[in-house]
Amino acid sequence: MTLLVTVFAAIISTVLWYKNAPDDKMKFSALCWMYWGASLMWLVDAIFEFAELKAEYFSPAPADMLNDLFLGLSAVALGLVIWLVILLVRDPKGVVKAALTKKKN
C-alpha cells in the first residue's frame, strides 16, 4: 500500500512538473525527486518482503494494509512539508519577501 500511495503521488507530481517544465518556478522537480525516491525505496522493500513471504505477500491482514496506508500517506505529507519549506526559502514569486518588507501606515 505504501508503494501504491507514493507511486500515485510521484505520477501526479511528475504531471505537474511536466506541465510547468520550462521554468519550474514552483519547484515541482524537487517534489518529483522525493516521491520517485520514496517509490523506489518502497519497491525495494516490496521485493525483499516478497522474497521472504512468497505467496503470503499477496494476502496481507487488513490491519497491516491500514498501517501501510497511513505510512504511505505520512510519507506523502512529509514530502509536501519539505516542498513547502523549499518554496518558502526560495520564494519564487517574492511573496515572503514582500510580506516581510511591507511597511505599515
N, C-alpha and C. Protein backbone atom coordinates (compact mmCIF):
# COMPACT_ATOMS: atom_id res chain seq x y z
N MET A 1 0.82 -1.19 0.00
CA MET A 1 0.00 0.00 0.00
C MET A 1 0.87 1.26 0.00
N THR A 2 1.98 1.22 0.71
CA THR A 2 2.87 2.38 0.72
C THR A 2 3.42 2.65 -0.67
N LEU A 3 3.76 1.56 -1.37
CA LEU A 3 4.27 1.70 -2.74
C LEU A 3 3.21 2.34 -3.63
N LEU A 4 1.99 1.89 -3.52
CA LEU A 4 0.91 2.41 -4.34
C LEU A 4 0.66 3.90 -4.09
N VAL A 5 0.65 4.29 -2.83
CA VAL A 5 0.39 5.69 -2.48
C VAL A 5 1.51 6.59 -3.00
N THR A 6 2.76 6.17 -2.81
CA THR A 6 3.87 7.03 -3.24
C THR A 6 4.02 7.05 -4.76
N VAL A 7 3.66 5.96 -5.44
CA VAL A 7 3.72 5.97 -6.91
C VAL A 7 2.66 6.93 -7.46
N PHE A 8 1.46 6.92 -6.88
CA PHE A 8 0.44 7.87 -7.33
C PHE A 8 0.88 9.31 -7.08
N ALA A 9 1.49 9.57 -5.93
CA ALA A 9 1.99 10.91 -5.63
C ALA A 9 3.10 11.29 -6.61
N ALA A 10 3.96 10.35 -6.95
CA ALA A 10 5.04 10.61 -7.90
C ALA A 10 4.49 10.91 -9.28
N ILE A 11 3.49 10.17 -9.70
CA ILE A 11 2.89 10.40 -11.02
C ILE A 11 2.22 11.77 -11.08
N ILE A 12 1.47 12.11 -10.05
CA ILE A 12 0.79 13.41 -10.02
C ILE A 12 1.80 14.55 -10.01
N SER A 13 2.85 14.42 -9.19
CA SER A 13 3.85 15.49 -9.15
C SER A 13 4.63 15.59 -10.46
N THR A 14 4.84 14.46 -11.14
CA THR A 14 5.52 14.48 -12.43
C THR A 14 4.68 15.18 -13.48
N VAL A 15 3.37 14.92 -13.47
CA VAL A 15 2.48 15.60 -14.41
C VAL A 15 2.50 17.11 -14.16
N LEU A 16 2.45 17.52 -12.89
CA LEU A 16 2.52 18.94 -12.57
C LEU A 16 3.85 19.55 -12.99
N TRP A 17 4.94 18.81 -12.77
CA TRP A 17 6.25 19.31 -13.18
C TRP A 17 6.32 19.45 -14.69
N TYR A 18 5.83 18.45 -15.42
CA TYR A 18 5.91 18.47 -16.88
C TYR A 18 5.05 19.59 -17.45
N LYS A 19 3.94 19.86 -16.81
CA LYS A 19 3.05 20.94 -17.27
C LYS A 19 3.75 22.29 -17.14
N ASN A 20 4.56 22.46 -16.10
CA ASN A 20 5.25 23.73 -15.84
C ASN A 20 6.75 23.61 -16.09
N ALA A 21 7.18 22.68 -16.92
CA ALA A 21 8.58 22.31 -17.07
C ALA A 21 9.54 23.42 -17.49
N PRO A 22 9.22 24.25 -18.41
CA PRO A 22 10.28 25.18 -18.86
C PRO A 22 10.87 26.06 -17.76
N ASP A 23 10.04 26.57 -16.85
CA ASP A 23 10.59 27.48 -15.85
C ASP A 23 10.61 26.88 -14.44
N ASP A 24 9.76 25.95 -14.10
CA ASP A 24 9.74 25.24 -12.80
C ASP A 24 9.88 26.20 -11.61
N LYS A 25 9.13 27.30 -11.65
CA LYS A 25 9.20 28.26 -10.55
C LYS A 25 8.71 27.68 -9.23
N MET A 26 7.74 26.79 -9.29
CA MET A 26 7.16 26.23 -8.06
C MET A 26 7.93 25.01 -7.56
N LYS A 27 9.05 24.70 -8.16
CA LYS A 27 9.94 23.62 -7.71
C LYS A 27 9.25 22.26 -7.62
N PHE A 28 8.42 21.96 -8.64
CA PHE A 28 7.80 20.64 -8.69
C PHE A 28 8.84 19.55 -8.91
N SER A 29 9.98 19.92 -9.46
CA SER A 29 11.03 18.92 -9.68
C SER A 29 11.51 18.34 -8.36
N ALA A 30 11.61 19.15 -7.33
CA ALA A 30 12.02 18.64 -6.01
C ALA A 30 10.98 17.65 -5.48
N LEU A 31 9.72 17.96 -5.68
CA LEU A 31 8.65 17.06 -5.26
C LEU A 31 8.71 15.74 -6.03
N CYS A 32 8.98 15.83 -7.33
CA CYS A 32 9.11 14.62 -8.15
C CYS A 32 10.24 13.74 -7.64
N TRP A 33 11.40 14.34 -7.40
CA TRP A 33 12.55 13.55 -6.93
C TRP A 33 12.26 12.88 -5.60
N MET A 34 11.60 13.59 -4.69
CA MET A 34 11.28 13.00 -3.39
C MET A 34 10.33 11.81 -3.52
N TYR A 35 9.28 11.99 -4.31
CA TYR A 35 8.28 10.92 -4.43
C TYR A 35 8.79 9.73 -5.25
N TRP A 36 9.58 10.00 -6.30
CA TRP A 36 10.14 8.87 -7.04
C TRP A 36 11.18 8.15 -6.19
N GLY A 37 11.91 8.86 -5.37
CA GLY A 37 12.85 8.21 -4.45
C GLY A 37 12.14 7.36 -3.43
N ALA A 38 11.04 7.87 -2.88
CA ALA A 38 10.24 7.09 -1.93
C ALA A 38 9.64 5.87 -2.61
N SER A 39 9.19 6.03 -3.84
CA SER A 39 8.62 4.89 -4.58
C SER A 39 9.67 3.82 -4.82
N LEU A 40 10.86 4.23 -5.16
CA LEU A 40 11.95 3.27 -5.35
C LEU A 40 12.28 2.55 -4.05
N MET A 41 12.28 3.28 -2.96
CA MET A 41 12.54 2.68 -1.66
C MET A 41 11.48 1.64 -1.32
N TRP A 42 10.20 1.96 -1.53
CA TRP A 42 9.13 1.02 -1.23
C TRP A 42 9.14 -0.16 -2.20
N LEU A 43 9.59 0.05 -3.44
CA LEU A 43 9.70 -1.06 -4.38
C LEU A 43 10.74 -2.07 -3.92
N VAL A 44 11.88 -1.58 -3.48
CA VAL A 44 12.92 -2.47 -2.95
C VAL A 44 12.41 -3.19 -1.72
N ASP A 45 11.69 -2.49 -0.87
CA ASP A 45 11.11 -3.11 0.32
C ASP A 45 10.13 -4.21 -0.07
N ALA A 46 9.30 -3.95 -1.08
CA ALA A 46 8.32 -4.95 -1.53
C ALA A 46 9.02 -6.18 -2.12
N ILE A 47 10.09 -5.98 -2.85
CA ILE A 47 10.83 -7.11 -3.43
C ILE A 47 11.40 -7.98 -2.33
N PHE A 48 12.02 -7.39 -1.34
CA PHE A 48 12.59 -8.18 -0.25
C PHE A 48 11.52 -8.85 0.60
N GLU A 49 10.39 -8.14 0.80
CA GLU A 49 9.30 -8.75 1.56
C GLU A 49 8.68 -9.92 0.79
N PHE A 50 8.55 -9.78 -0.53
CA PHE A 50 8.04 -10.87 -1.34
C PHE A 50 8.99 -12.07 -1.31
N ALA A 51 10.30 -11.81 -1.34
CA ALA A 51 11.28 -12.90 -1.28
C ALA A 51 11.18 -13.65 0.04
N GLU A 52 10.78 -12.95 1.08
CA GLU A 52 10.66 -13.58 2.40
C GLU A 52 9.34 -14.32 2.57
N LEU A 53 8.23 -13.71 2.12
CA LEU A 53 6.90 -14.26 2.39
C LEU A 53 6.33 -15.11 1.27
N LYS A 54 6.83 -14.98 0.07
CA LYS A 54 6.32 -15.67 -1.13
C LYS A 54 4.82 -15.36 -1.32
N ALA A 55 3.97 -16.36 -1.41
CA ALA A 55 2.56 -16.17 -1.74
C ALA A 55 1.80 -15.41 -0.65
N GLU A 56 2.25 -15.49 0.59
CA GLU A 56 1.58 -14.77 1.67
C GLU A 56 1.65 -13.25 1.49
N TYR A 57 2.59 -12.80 0.68
CA TYR A 57 2.75 -11.36 0.43
C TYR A 57 1.47 -10.76 -0.16
N PHE A 58 0.75 -11.56 -0.96
CA PHE A 58 -0.42 -11.05 -1.66
C PHE A 58 -1.71 -11.15 -0.86
N SER A 59 -1.64 -11.60 0.38
CA SER A 59 -2.84 -11.65 1.23
C SER A 59 -2.53 -11.07 2.61
N PRO A 60 -2.29 -9.76 2.67
CA PRO A 60 -1.99 -9.15 3.96
C PRO A 60 -3.23 -9.01 4.83
N ALA A 61 -3.01 -8.90 6.10
CA ALA A 61 -4.11 -8.67 7.05
C ALA A 61 -4.63 -7.24 6.87
N PRO A 62 -5.92 -7.03 7.10
CA PRO A 62 -6.48 -5.67 6.96
C PRO A 62 -5.77 -4.64 7.85
N ALA A 63 -5.37 -5.05 9.04
CA ALA A 63 -4.66 -4.11 9.92
C ALA A 63 -3.32 -3.71 9.33
N ASP A 64 -2.63 -4.66 8.69
CA ASP A 64 -1.35 -4.34 8.05
C ASP A 64 -1.55 -3.40 6.87
N MET A 65 -2.62 -3.62 6.11
CA MET A 65 -2.90 -2.73 4.98
C MET A 65 -3.21 -1.31 5.45
N LEU A 66 -3.95 -1.20 6.54
CA LEU A 66 -4.27 0.12 7.09
C LEU A 66 -3.02 0.81 7.60
N ASN A 67 -2.16 0.07 8.27
CA ASN A 67 -0.89 0.65 8.74
C ASN A 67 -0.03 1.10 7.57
N ASP A 68 0.03 0.29 6.52
CA ASP A 68 0.80 0.67 5.34
C ASP A 68 0.21 1.90 4.65
N LEU A 69 -1.11 2.00 4.63
CA LEU A 69 -1.76 3.18 4.05
C LEU A 69 -1.38 4.43 4.83
N PHE A 70 -1.45 4.36 6.16
CA PHE A 70 -1.08 5.51 6.98
C PHE A 70 0.39 5.87 6.80
N LEU A 71 1.26 4.87 6.67
CA LEU A 71 2.67 5.13 6.45
C LEU A 71 2.90 5.81 5.10
N GLY A 72 2.21 5.34 4.07
CA GLY A 72 2.32 5.97 2.75
C GLY A 72 1.82 7.39 2.74
N LEU A 73 0.68 7.62 3.39
CA LEU A 73 0.15 8.99 3.47
C LEU A 73 1.06 9.89 4.28
N SER A 74 1.68 9.34 5.32
CA SER A 74 2.64 10.13 6.11
C SER A 74 3.86 10.50 5.28
N ALA A 75 4.32 9.59 4.45
CA ALA A 75 5.47 9.88 3.58
C ALA A 75 5.11 10.98 2.58
N VAL A 76 3.91 10.92 2.03
CA VAL A 76 3.45 11.95 1.09
C VAL A 76 3.32 13.30 1.81
N ALA A 77 2.76 13.28 3.01
CA ALA A 77 2.61 14.53 3.77
C ALA A 77 3.97 15.13 4.12
N LEU A 78 4.93 14.29 4.51
CA LEU A 78 6.27 14.79 4.81
C LEU A 78 6.92 15.39 3.57
N GLY A 79 6.71 14.76 2.42
CA GLY A 79 7.23 15.32 1.17
C GLY A 79 6.63 16.68 0.87
N LEU A 80 5.34 16.84 1.12
CA LEU A 80 4.70 18.13 0.90
C LEU A 80 5.23 19.20 1.86
N VAL A 81 5.49 18.82 3.11
CA VAL A 81 6.04 19.77 4.08
C VAL A 81 7.44 20.21 3.64
N ILE A 82 8.26 19.28 3.22
CA ILE A 82 9.61 19.62 2.74
C ILE A 82 9.52 20.52 1.52
N TRP A 83 8.59 20.23 0.61
CA TRP A 83 8.40 21.05 -0.58
C TRP A 83 7.97 22.47 -0.20
N LEU A 84 7.07 22.59 0.78
CA LEU A 84 6.65 23.92 1.23
C LEU A 84 7.80 24.71 1.84
N VAL A 85 8.66 24.03 2.59
CA VAL A 85 9.84 24.70 3.16
C VAL A 85 10.74 25.19 2.04
N ILE A 86 10.94 24.36 1.02
CA ILE A 86 11.75 24.77 -0.14
C ILE A 86 11.14 26.00 -0.80
N LEU A 87 9.81 26.00 -0.96
CA LEU A 87 9.15 27.16 -1.56
C LEU A 87 9.31 28.42 -0.72
N LEU A 88 9.18 28.28 0.59
CA LEU A 88 9.31 29.45 1.46
C LEU A 88 10.73 30.00 1.47
N VAL A 89 11.71 29.11 1.41
CA VAL A 89 13.12 29.55 1.42
C VAL A 89 13.49 30.19 0.08
N ARG A 90 13.11 29.55 -1.01
CA ARG A 90 13.46 30.08 -2.35
C ARG A 90 12.58 31.25 -2.75
N ASP A 91 11.35 31.27 -2.30
CA ASP A 91 10.40 32.35 -2.56
C ASP A 91 10.37 32.75 -4.04
N PRO A 92 9.91 31.86 -4.93
CA PRO A 92 9.98 32.13 -6.37
C PRO A 92 9.13 33.31 -6.84
N LYS A 93 8.06 33.62 -6.14
CA LYS A 93 7.21 34.73 -6.57
C LYS A 93 7.43 35.99 -5.72
N GLY A 94 8.34 35.93 -4.76
CA GLY A 94 8.64 37.10 -3.94
C GLY A 94 7.58 37.45 -2.91
N VAL A 95 6.70 36.54 -2.60
CA VAL A 95 5.60 36.80 -1.67
C VAL A 95 6.11 36.97 -0.25
N VAL A 96 7.00 36.10 0.17
CA VAL A 96 7.52 36.17 1.55
C VAL A 96 8.33 37.44 1.73
N LYS A 97 9.16 37.78 0.76
CA LYS A 97 9.96 39.00 0.84
C LYS A 97 9.07 40.23 0.90
N ALA A 98 8.02 40.24 0.10
CA ALA A 98 7.10 41.39 0.09
C ALA A 98 6.37 41.49 1.43
N ALA A 99 6.01 40.36 2.02
CA ALA A 99 5.31 40.39 3.30
C ALA A 99 6.23 40.84 4.42
N LEU A 100 7.50 40.49 4.35
CA LEU A 100 8.44 40.88 5.40
C LEU A 100 8.86 42.34 5.29
N THR A 101 8.88 42.87 4.09
CA THR A 101 9.33 44.26 3.90
C THR A 101 8.18 45.25 3.82
N LYS A 102 6.96 44.77 3.95
CA LYS A 102 5.78 45.64 3.86
C LYS A 102 5.75 46.59 5.05
N LYS A 103 5.63 47.88 4.76
CA LYS A 103 5.57 48.89 5.83
C LYS A 103 4.12 49.18 6.18
N LYS A 104 3.88 49.38 7.46
CA LYS A 104 2.53 49.72 7.93
C LYS A 104 2.38 51.24 7.96
N ASN A 105 1.17 51.69 7.64
CA ASN A 105 0.91 53.14 7.62
C ASN A 105 0.49 53.63 8.97
